[in-house]
């Protein structure tokens, strides 16, 4: 996946979210299946991390925020974005 594909849906005026998502993409591997931009309960942007086991050691070591953008972990297996 190219960086352009990753950030295509993020508003141009929000560089902190764009940078946070680009950093989170580097986490994708065996224990993290994907990342996306989502919303907090208050409607603010957050980075969503999809992991088969949200309690795995690798997931527990993730930061709670990137560039002051919250990180939320969701249970999820492999998926493809088109």
PDB file of N, CA and C in Angstrom:
ATOM      1  N   UNK A   1       0.852  -1.161   0.000  1.00  0.00           N
ATOM      2  CA  UNK A   1       0.000   0.000   0.000  1.00  0.00           C
ATOM      3  C   UNK A   1       0.902   1.229   0.000  1.00  0.00           C
ATOM      4  N   UNK A   2       0.610   2.158  -0.890  1.00  0.00           N
ATOM      5  CA  UNK A   2       1.407   3.375  -0.947  1.00  0.00           C
ATOM      6  C   UNK A   2       0.917   4.366   0.107  1.00  0.00           C
ATOM      7  N   UNK A   3       1.769   5.327   0.420  1.00  0.00           N
ATOM      8  CA  UNK A   3       1.363   6.359   1.380  1.00  0.00           C
ATOM      9  C   UNK A   3       0.184   7.154   0.835  1.00  0.00           C
ATOM     10  N   UNK A   4       0.153   7.373  -0.482  1.00  0.00           N
ATOM     11  CA  UNK A   4      -0.976   8.095  -1.076  1.00  0.00           C
ATOM     12  C   UNK A   4      -2.283   7.342  -0.856  1.00  0.00           C
ATOM     13  N   UNK A   5      -2.274   6.012  -1.003  1.00  0.00           N
ATOM     14  CA  UNK A   5      -3.474   5.220  -0.753  1.00  0.00           C
ATOM     15  C   UNK A   5      -3.884   5.313   0.707  1.00  0.00           C
ATOM     16  N   UNK A   6      -2.911   5.266   1.585  1.00  0.00           N
ATOM     17  CA  UNK A   6      -3.171   5.265   3.019  1.00  0.00           C
ATOM     18  C   UNK A   6      -3.843   6.550   3.480  1.00  0.00           C
ATOM     19  N   UNK A   7      -3.420   7.670   2.924  1.00  0.00           N
ATOM     20  CA  UNK A   7      -3.913   8.950   3.425  1.00  0.00           C
ATOM     21  C   UNK A   7      -4.930   9.614   2.508  1.00  0.00           C
ATOM     22  N   UNK A   8      -5.390   8.932   1.493  1.00  0.00           N
ATOM     23  CA  UNK A   8      -6.287   9.541   0.509  1.00  0.00           C
ATOM     24  C   UNK A   8      -7.564  10.096   1.138  1.00  0.00           C
ATOM     25  N   UNK A   9      -8.106   9.441   2.152  1.00  0.00           N
ATOM     26  CA  UNK A   9      -9.362   9.888   2.733  1.00  0.00           C
ATOM     27  C   UNK A   9      -9.228  10.835   3.903  1.00  0.00           C
ATOM     28  N   UNK A  10      -8.021  11.227   4.252  1.00  0.00           N
ATOM     29  CA  UNK A  10      -7.812  12.106   5.394  1.00  0.00           C
ATOM     30  C   UNK A  10      -7.842  13.549   4.910  1.00  0.00           C
ATOM     31  N   UNK A  11      -8.580  14.399   5.571  1.00  0.00           N
ATOM     32  CA  UNK A  11      -8.638  15.798   5.136  1.00  0.00           C
ATOM     33  C   UNK A  11      -7.250  16.422   5.044  1.00  0.00           C
ATOM     34  N   UNK A  12      -7.016  17.155   3.977  1.00  0.00           N
ATOM     35  CA  UNK A  12      -5.719  17.803   3.763  1.00  0.00           C
ATOM     36  C   UNK A  12      -5.340  18.729   4.906  1.00  0.00           C
ATOM     37  N   UNK A  13      -6.321  19.329   5.545  1.00  0.00           N
ATOM     38  CA  UNK A  13      -6.030  20.321   6.564  1.00  0.00           C
ATOM     39  C   UNK A  13      -5.687  19.719   7.922  1.00  0.00           C
ATOM     40  N   UNK A  14      -5.564  18.411   8.025  1.00  0.00           N
ATOM     41  CA  UNK A  14      -5.261  17.797   9.308  1.00  0.00           C
ATOM     42  C   UNK A  14      -3.949  17.016   9.245  1.00  0.00           C
ATOM     43  N   UNK A  15      -2.816  17.714   9.224  1.00  0.00           N
ATOM     44  CA  UNK A  15      -1.528  17.028   9.092  1.00  0.00           C
ATOM     45  C   UNK A  15      -1.194  16.126  10.273  1.00  0.00           C
ATOM     46  N   UNK A  16      -1.686  16.428  11.474  1.00  0.00           N
ATOM     47  CA  UNK A  16      -1.392  15.574  12.637  1.00  0.00           C
ATOM     48  C   UNK A  16      -2.003  14.194  12.447  1.00  0.00           C
ATOM     49  N   UNK A  17      -3.228  14.128  11.943  1.00  0.00           N
ATOM     50  CA  UNK A  17      -3.868  12.833  11.702  1.00  0.00           C
ATOM     51  C   UNK A  17      -3.144  12.095  10.581  1.00  0.00           C
ATOM     52  N   UNK A  18      -2.790  12.804   9.529  1.00  0.00           N
ATOM     53  CA  UNK A  18      -2.062  12.186   8.408  1.00  0.00           C
ATOM     54  C   UNK A  18      -0.751  11.582   8.895  1.00  0.00           C
ATOM     55  N   UNK A  19      -0.001  12.328   9.698  1.00  0.00           N
ATOM     56  CA  UNK A  19       1.275  11.835  10.212  1.00  0.00           C
ATOM     57  C   UNK A  19       1.088  10.663  11.165  1.00  0.00           C
ATOM     58  N   UNK A  20       0.072  10.730  12.015  1.00  0.00           N
ATOM     59  CA  UNK A  20      -0.191   9.639  12.954  1.00  0.00           C
ATOM     60  C   UNK A  20      -0.528   8.358  12.205  1.00  0.00           C
ATOM     61  N   UNK A  21      -1.349   8.452  11.172  1.00  0.00           N
ATOM     62  CA  UNK A  21      -1.714   7.260  10.410  1.00  0.00           C
ATOM     63  C   UNK A  21      -0.509   6.696   9.665  1.00  0.00           C
ATOM     64  N   UNK A  22       0.316   7.547   9.110  1.00  0.00           N
ATOM     65  CA  UNK A  22       1.514   7.079   8.419  1.00  0.00           C
ATOM     66  C   UNK A  22       2.450   6.347   9.383  1.00  0.00           C
ATOM     67  N   UNK A  23       2.580   6.847  10.600  1.00  0.00           N
ATOM     68  CA  UNK A  23       3.399   6.169  11.607  1.00  0.00           C
ATOM     69  C   UNK A  23       2.779   4.828  11.984  1.00  0.00           C
ATOM     70  N   UNK A  24       1.470   4.806  12.187  1.00  0.00           N
ATOM     71  CA  UNK A  24       0.785   3.571  12.590  1.00  0.00           C
ATOM     72  C   UNK A  24       0.877   2.496  11.518  1.00  0.00           C
ATOM     73  N   UNK A  25       0.953   2.883  10.244  1.00  0.00           N
ATOM     74  CA  UNK A  25       1.072   1.889   9.176  1.00  0.00           C
ATOM     75  C   UNK A  25       2.304   1.016   9.377  1.00  0.00           C
ATOM     76  N   UNK A  26       3.343   1.572   9.964  1.00  0.00           N
ATOM     77  CA  UNK A  26       4.580   0.822  10.206  1.00  0.00           C
ATOM     78  C   UNK A  26       4.376  -0.305  11.219  1.00  0.00           C
ATOM     79  N   UNK A  27       3.298  -0.264  11.980  1.00  0.00           N
ATOM     80  CA  UNK A  27       3.024  -1.304  12.979  1.00  0.00           C
ATOM     81  C   UNK A  27       2.443  -2.561  12.363  1.00  0.00           C
ATOM     82  N   UNK A  28       1.917  -2.498  11.150  1.00  0.00           N
ATOM     83  CA  UNK A  28       1.228  -3.635  10.539  1.00  0.00           C
ATOM     84  C   UNK A  28       2.195  -4.809  10.414  1.00  0.00           C
ATOM     85  N   UNK A  29       1.740  -5.964  10.882  1.00  0.00           N
ATOM     86  CA  UNK A  29       2.540  -7.179  10.855  1.00  0.00           C
ATOM     87  C   UNK A  29       1.704  -8.333  11.363  1.00  0.00           C
ATOM     88  N   UNK A  30       2.346  -9.321  11.942  1.00  0.00           N
ATOM     89  CA  UNK A  30       1.646 -10.522  12.389  1.00  0.00           C
ATOM     90  C   UNK A  30       0.597 -10.238  13.456  1.00  0.00           C
ATOM     91  N   UNK A  31       0.872  -9.315  14.358  1.00  0.00           N
ATOM     92  CA  UNK A  31      -0.056  -9.071  15.461  1.00  0.00           C
ATOM     93  C   UNK A  31      -0.967  -7.869  15.233  1.00  0.00           C
ATOM     94  N   UNK A  32      -0.697  -7.110  14.196  1.00  0.00           N
ATOM     95  CA  UNK A  32      -1.543  -5.959  13.850  1.00  0.00           C
ATOM     96  C   UNK A  32      -1.896  -6.081  12.381  1.00  0.00           C
ATOM     97  N   UNK A  33      -3.182  -6.230  12.105  1.00  0.00           N
ATOM     98  CA  UNK A  33      -3.639  -6.518  10.755  1.00  0.00           C
ATOM     99  C   UNK A  33      -3.901  -5.272   9.911  1.00  0.00           C
ATOM    100  N   UNK A  34      -4.183  -4.154  10.541  1.00  0.00           N
ATOM    101  CA  UNK A  34      -4.449  -2.948   9.781  1.00  0.00           C
ATOM    102  C   UNK A  34      -4.646  -1.757  10.687  1.00  0.00           C
ATOM    103  N   UNK A  35      -4.612  -0.579  10.071  1.00  0.00           N
ATOM    104  CA  UNK A  35      -4.848   0.666  10.786  1.00  0.00           C
ATOM    105  C   UNK A  35      -5.758   1.541   9.935  1.00  0.00           C
ATOM    106  N   UNK A  36      -6.473   2.425  10.588  1.00  0.00           N
ATOM    107  CA  UNK A  36      -7.389   3.315   9.879  1.00  0.00           C
ATOM    108  C   UNK A  36      -7.619   4.558  10.730  1.00  0.00           C
ATOM    109  N   UNK A  37      -8.287   5.525  10.143  1.00  0.00           N
ATOM    110  CA  UNK A  37      -8.714   6.697  10.896  1.00  0.00           C
ATOM    111  C   UNK A  37     -10.155   6.472  11.318  1.00  0.00           C
ATOM    112  N   UNK A  38     -10.443   6.699  12.575  1.00  0.00           N
ATOM    113  CA  UNK A  38     -11.798   6.564  13.096  1.00  0.00           C
ATOM    114  C   UNK A  38     -12.131   7.770  13.940  1.00  0.00           C
ATOM    115  N   UNK A  39     -13.114   7.606  14.795  1.00  0.00           N
ATOM    116  CA  UNK A  39     -13.521   8.690  15.687  1.00  0.00           C
ATOM    117  C   UNK A  39     -13.613   8.190  17.122  1.00  0.00           C
ATOM    118  N   UNK A  40     -13.330   9.092  18.037  1.00  0.00           N
ATOM    119  CA  UNK A  40     -13.546   8.802  19.446  1.00  0.00           C
ATOM    120  C   UNK A  40     -15.033   8.941  19.742  1.00  0.00           C
ATOM    121  N   UNK A  41     -15.432   8.615  20.956  1.00  0.00           N
ATOM    122  CA  UNK A  41     -16.832   8.775  21.365  1.00  0.00           C
ATOM    123  C   UNK A  41     -17.267  10.238  21.288  1.00  0.00           C
ATOM    124  N   UNK A  42     -16.311  11.147  21.362  1.00  0.00           N
ATOM    125  CA  UNK A  42     -16.615  12.568  21.294  1.00  0.00           C
ATOM    126  C   UNK A  42     -16.582  13.117  19.867  1.00  0.00           C
ATOM    127  N   UNK A  43     -16.342  12.243  18.887  1.00  0.00           N
ATOM    128  CA  UNK A  43     -16.329  12.659  17.493  1.00  0.00           C
ATOM    129  C   UNK A  43     -15.006  13.212  16.999  1.00  0.00           C
ATOM    130  N   UNK A  44     -13.970  13.087  17.803  1.00  0.00           N
ATOM    131  CA  UNK A  44     -12.638  13.546  17.402  1.00  0.00           C
ATOM    132  C   UNK A  44     -11.926  12.420  16.641  1.00  0.00           C
ATOM    133  N   UNK A  45     -10.991  12.759  15.750  1.00  0.00           N
ATOM    134  CA  UNK A  45     -10.283  11.710  15.015  1.00  0.00           C
ATOM    135  C   UNK A  45      -9.406  10.874  15.936  1.00  0.00           C
ATOM    136  N   UNK A  46      -9.263   9.605  15.579  1.00  0.00           N
ATOM    137  CA  UNK A  46      -8.347   8.714  16.277  1.00  0.00           C
ATOM    138  C   UNK A  46      -7.774   7.723  15.271  1.00  0.00           C
ATOM    139  N   UNK A  47      -6.687   7.089  15.648  1.00  0.00           N
ATOM    140  CA  UNK A  47      -6.111   6.013  14.854  1.00  0.00           C
ATOM    141  C   UNK A  47      -6.677   4.712  15.405  1.00  0.00           C
ATOM    142  N   UNK A  48      -7.279   3.912  14.534  1.00  0.00           N
ATOM    143  CA  UNK A  48      -7.828   2.618  14.935  1.00  0.00           C
ATOM    144  C   UNK A  48      -6.857   1.535  14.488  1.00  0.00           C
ATOM    145  N   UNK A  49      -6.495   0.668  15.417  1.00  0.00           N
ATOM    146  CA  UNK A  49      -5.588  -0.442  15.156  1.00  0.00           C
ATOM    147  C   UNK A  49      -6.405  -1.721  15.241  1.00  0.00           C
ATOM    148  N   UNK A  50      -6.336  -2.542  14.185  1.00  0.00           N
ATOM    149  CA  UNK A  50      -7.059  -3.812  14.153  1.00  0.00           C
ATOM    150  C   UNK A  50      -6.081  -4.947  14.433  1.00  0.00           C
ATOM    151  N   UNK A  51      -6.364  -5.711  15.490  1.00  0.00           N
ATOM    152  CA  UNK A  51      -5.481  -6.795  15.914  1.00  0.00           C
ATOM    153  C   UNK A  51      -6.299  -8.032  16.237  1.00  0.00           C
ATOM    154  N   UNK A  52      -5.824  -9.228  15.817  1.00  0.00           N
ATOM    155  CA  UNK A  52      -6.536 -10.466  16.146  1.00  0.00           C
ATOM    156  C   UNK A  52      -6.633 -10.672  17.658  1.00  0.00           C
ATOM    157  N   UNK A  53      -5.585 -10.285  18.376  1.00  0.00           N
ATOM    158  CA  UNK A  53      -5.565 -10.409  19.841  1.00  0.00           C
ATOM    159  C   UNK A  53      -5.215  -9.050  20.441  1.00  0.00           C
ATOM    160  N   UNK A  54      -6.230  -8.259  20.789  1.00  0.00           N
ATOM    161  CA  UNK A  54      -5.955  -6.931  21.338  1.00  0.00           C
ATOM    162  C   UNK A  54      -5.169  -6.935  22.641  1.00  0.00           C
ATOM    163  N   UNK A  55      -5.033  -8.095  23.273  1.00  0.00           N
ATOM    164  CA  UNK A  55      -4.280  -8.193  24.527  1.00  0.00           C
ATOM    165  C   UNK A  55      -2.870  -8.732  24.326  1.00  0.00           C
ATOM    166  N   UNK A  56      -2.429  -8.905  23.088  1.00  0.00           N
ATOM    167  CA  UNK A  56      -1.092  -9.448  22.835  1.00  0.00           C
ATOM    168  C   UNK A  56      -0.024  -8.477  23.336  1.00  0.00           C
ATOM    169  N   UNK A  57       1.166  -8.987  23.633  1.00  0.00           N
ATOM    170  CA  UNK A  57       2.234  -8.108  24.118  1.00  0.00           C
ATOM    171  C   UNK A  57       2.555  -6.968  23.150  1.00  0.00           C
ATOM    172  N   UNK A  58       2.581  -7.253  21.864  1.00  0.00           N
ATOM    173  CA  UNK A  58       2.899  -6.208  20.879  1.00  0.00           C
ATOM    174  C   UNK A  58       1.854  -5.099  20.896  1.00  0.00           C
ATOM    175  N   UNK A  59       0.605  -5.458  21.044  1.00  0.00           N
ATOM    176  CA  UNK A  59      -0.468  -4.461  21.059  1.00  0.00           C
ATOM    177  C   UNK A  59      -0.427  -3.669  22.359  1.00  0.00           C
ATOM    178  N   UNK A  60      -0.162  -4.328  23.460  1.00  0.00           N
ATOM    179  CA  UNK A  60      -0.099  -3.624  24.749  1.00  0.00           C
ATOM    180  C   UNK A  60       1.034  -2.605  24.793  1.00  0.00           C
ATOM    181  N   UNK A  61       2.072  -2.807  23.965  1.00  0.00           N
ATOM    182  CA  UNK A  61       3.206  -1.885  23.933  1.00  0.00           C
ATOM    183  C   UNK A  61       2.955  -0.656  23.055  1.00  0.00           C
ATOM    184  N   UNK A  62       1.856  -0.632  22.308  1.00  0.00           N
ATOM    185  CA  UNK A  62       1.578   0.520  21.455  1.00  0.00           C
ATOM    186  C   UNK A  62       1.322   1.764  22.298  1.00  0.00           C
ATOM    187  N   UNK A  63       1.669   2.923  21.783  1.00  0.00           N
ATOM    188  CA  UNK A  63       1.368   4.152  22.530  1.00  0.00           C
ATOM    189  C   UNK A  63      -0.130   4.409  22.558  1.00  0.00           C
ATOM    190  N   UNK A  64      -0.577   5.165  23.523  1.00  0.00           N
ATOM    191  CA  UNK A  64      -1.998   5.492  23.619  1.00  0.00           C
ATOM    192  C   UNK A  64      -2.381   6.645  22.696  1.00  0.00           C
ATOM    193  N   UNK A  65      -1.355   7.332  22.150  1.00  0.00           N
ATOM    194  CA  UNK A  65      -1.620   8.406  21.198  1.00  0.00           C
ATOM    195  C   UNK A  65      -0.396   8.615  20.310  1.00  0.00           C
ATOM    196  N   UNK A  66      -0.643   9.217  19.152  1.00  0.00           N
ATOM    197  CA  UNK A  66       0.397   9.617  18.207  1.00  0.00           C
ATOM    198  C   UNK A  66       0.118  11.065  17.834  1.00  0.00           C
ATOM    199  N   UNK A  67       1.080  11.941  18.008  1.00  0.00           N
ATOM    200  CA  UNK A  67       0.874  13.363  17.677  1.00  0.00           C
ATOM    201  C   UNK A  67      -0.386  13.904  18.339  1.00  0.00           C
ATOM    202  N   UNK A  68      -0.637  13.488  19.565  1.00  0.00           N
ATOM    203  CA  UNK A  68      -1.838  13.889  20.318  1.00  0.00           C
ATOM    204  C   UNK A  68      -3.134  13.354  19.715  1.00  0.00           C
ATOM    205  N   UNK A  69      -3.051  12.377  18.811  1.00  0.00           N
ATOM    206  CA  UNK A  69      -4.226  11.714  18.238  1.00  0.00           C
ATOM    207  C   UNK A  69      -4.380  10.392  18.989  1.00  0.00           C
ATOM    208  N   UNK A  70      -5.520  10.129  19.638  1.00  0.00           N
ATOM    209  CA  UNK A  70      -5.685   8.882  20.396  1.00  0.00           C
ATOM    210  C   UNK A  70      -5.569   7.650  19.504  1.00  0.00           C
ATOM    211  N   UNK A  71      -5.090   6.562  20.095  1.00  0.00           N
ATOM    212  CA  UNK A  71      -5.009   5.261  19.422  1.00  0.00           C
ATOM    213  C   UNK A  71      -6.025   4.344  20.086  1.00  0.00           C
ATOM    214  N   UNK A  72      -6.897   3.737  19.268  1.00  0.00           N
ATOM    215  CA  UNK A  72      -7.917   2.808  19.765  1.00  0.00           C
ATOM    216  C   UNK A  72      -7.665   1.443  19.122  1.00  0.00           C
ATOM    217  N   UNK A  73      -7.691   0.381  19.917  1.00  0.00           N
ATOM    218  CA  UNK A  73      -7.469  -0.978  19.419  1.00  0.00           C
ATOM    219  C   UNK A  73      -8.798  -1.690  19.305  1.00  0.00           C
ATOM    220  N   UNK A  74      -9.011  -2.339  18.170  1.00  0.00           N
ATOM    221  CA  UNK A  74     -10.217  -3.125  17.908  1.00  0.00           C
ATOM    222  C   UNK A  74      -9.796  -4.543  17.534  1.00  0.00           C
ATOM    223  N   UNK A  75     -10.595  -5.528  17.929  1.00  0.00           N
ATOM    224  CA  UNK A  75     -10.341  -6.900  17.511  1.00  0.00           C
ATOM    225  C   UNK A  75     -10.678  -7.013  16.021  1.00  0.00           C
ATOM    226  N   UNK A  76      -9.788  -7.615  15.274  1.00  0.00           N
ATOM    227  CA  UNK A  76     -10.053  -7.786  13.848  1.00  0.00           C
ATOM    228  C   UNK A  76      -8.961  -8.601  13.194  1.00  0.00           C
ATOM    229  N   UNK A  77      -9.366  -9.400  12.227  1.00  0.00           N
ATOM    230  CA  UNK A  77      -8.426 -10.214  11.484  1.00  0.00           C
ATOM    231  C   UNK A  77      -8.022  -9.539  10.194  1.00  0.00           C
ATOM    232  N   UNK A  78      -7.397 -10.298   9.292  1.00  0.00           N
ATOM    233  CA  UNK A  78      -6.935  -9.746   8.027  1.00  0.00           C
ATOM    234  C   UNK A  78      -8.085  -9.179   7.199  1.00  0.00           C
ATOM    235  N   UNK A  79      -7.798  -8.099   6.485  1.00  0.00           N
ATOM    236  CA  UNK A  79      -8.792  -7.509   5.584  1.00  0.00           C
ATOM    237  C   UNK A  79      -8.065  -6.808   4.452  1.00  0.00           C
ATOM    238  N   UNK A  80      -8.777  -6.548   3.389  1.00  0.00           N
ATOM    239  CA  UNK A  80      -8.237  -5.833   2.235  1.00  0.00           C
ATOM    240  C   UNK A  80      -9.028  -4.567   2.017  1.00  0.00           C
ATOM    241  N   UNK A  81      -8.352  -3.485   1.773  1.00  0.00           N
ATOM    242  CA  UNK A  81      -9.022  -2.226   1.436  1.00  0.00           C
ATOM    243  C   UNK A  81      -8.927  -2.022  -0.067  1.00  0.00           C
ATOM    244  N   UNK A  82     -10.016  -1.619  -0.645  1.00  0.00           N
ATOM    245  CA  UNK A  82     -10.003  -1.376  -2.086  1.00  0.00           C
ATOM    246  C   UNK A  82     -10.347   0.037  -2.384  1.00  0.00           C
TER     247      UNK A  82
END
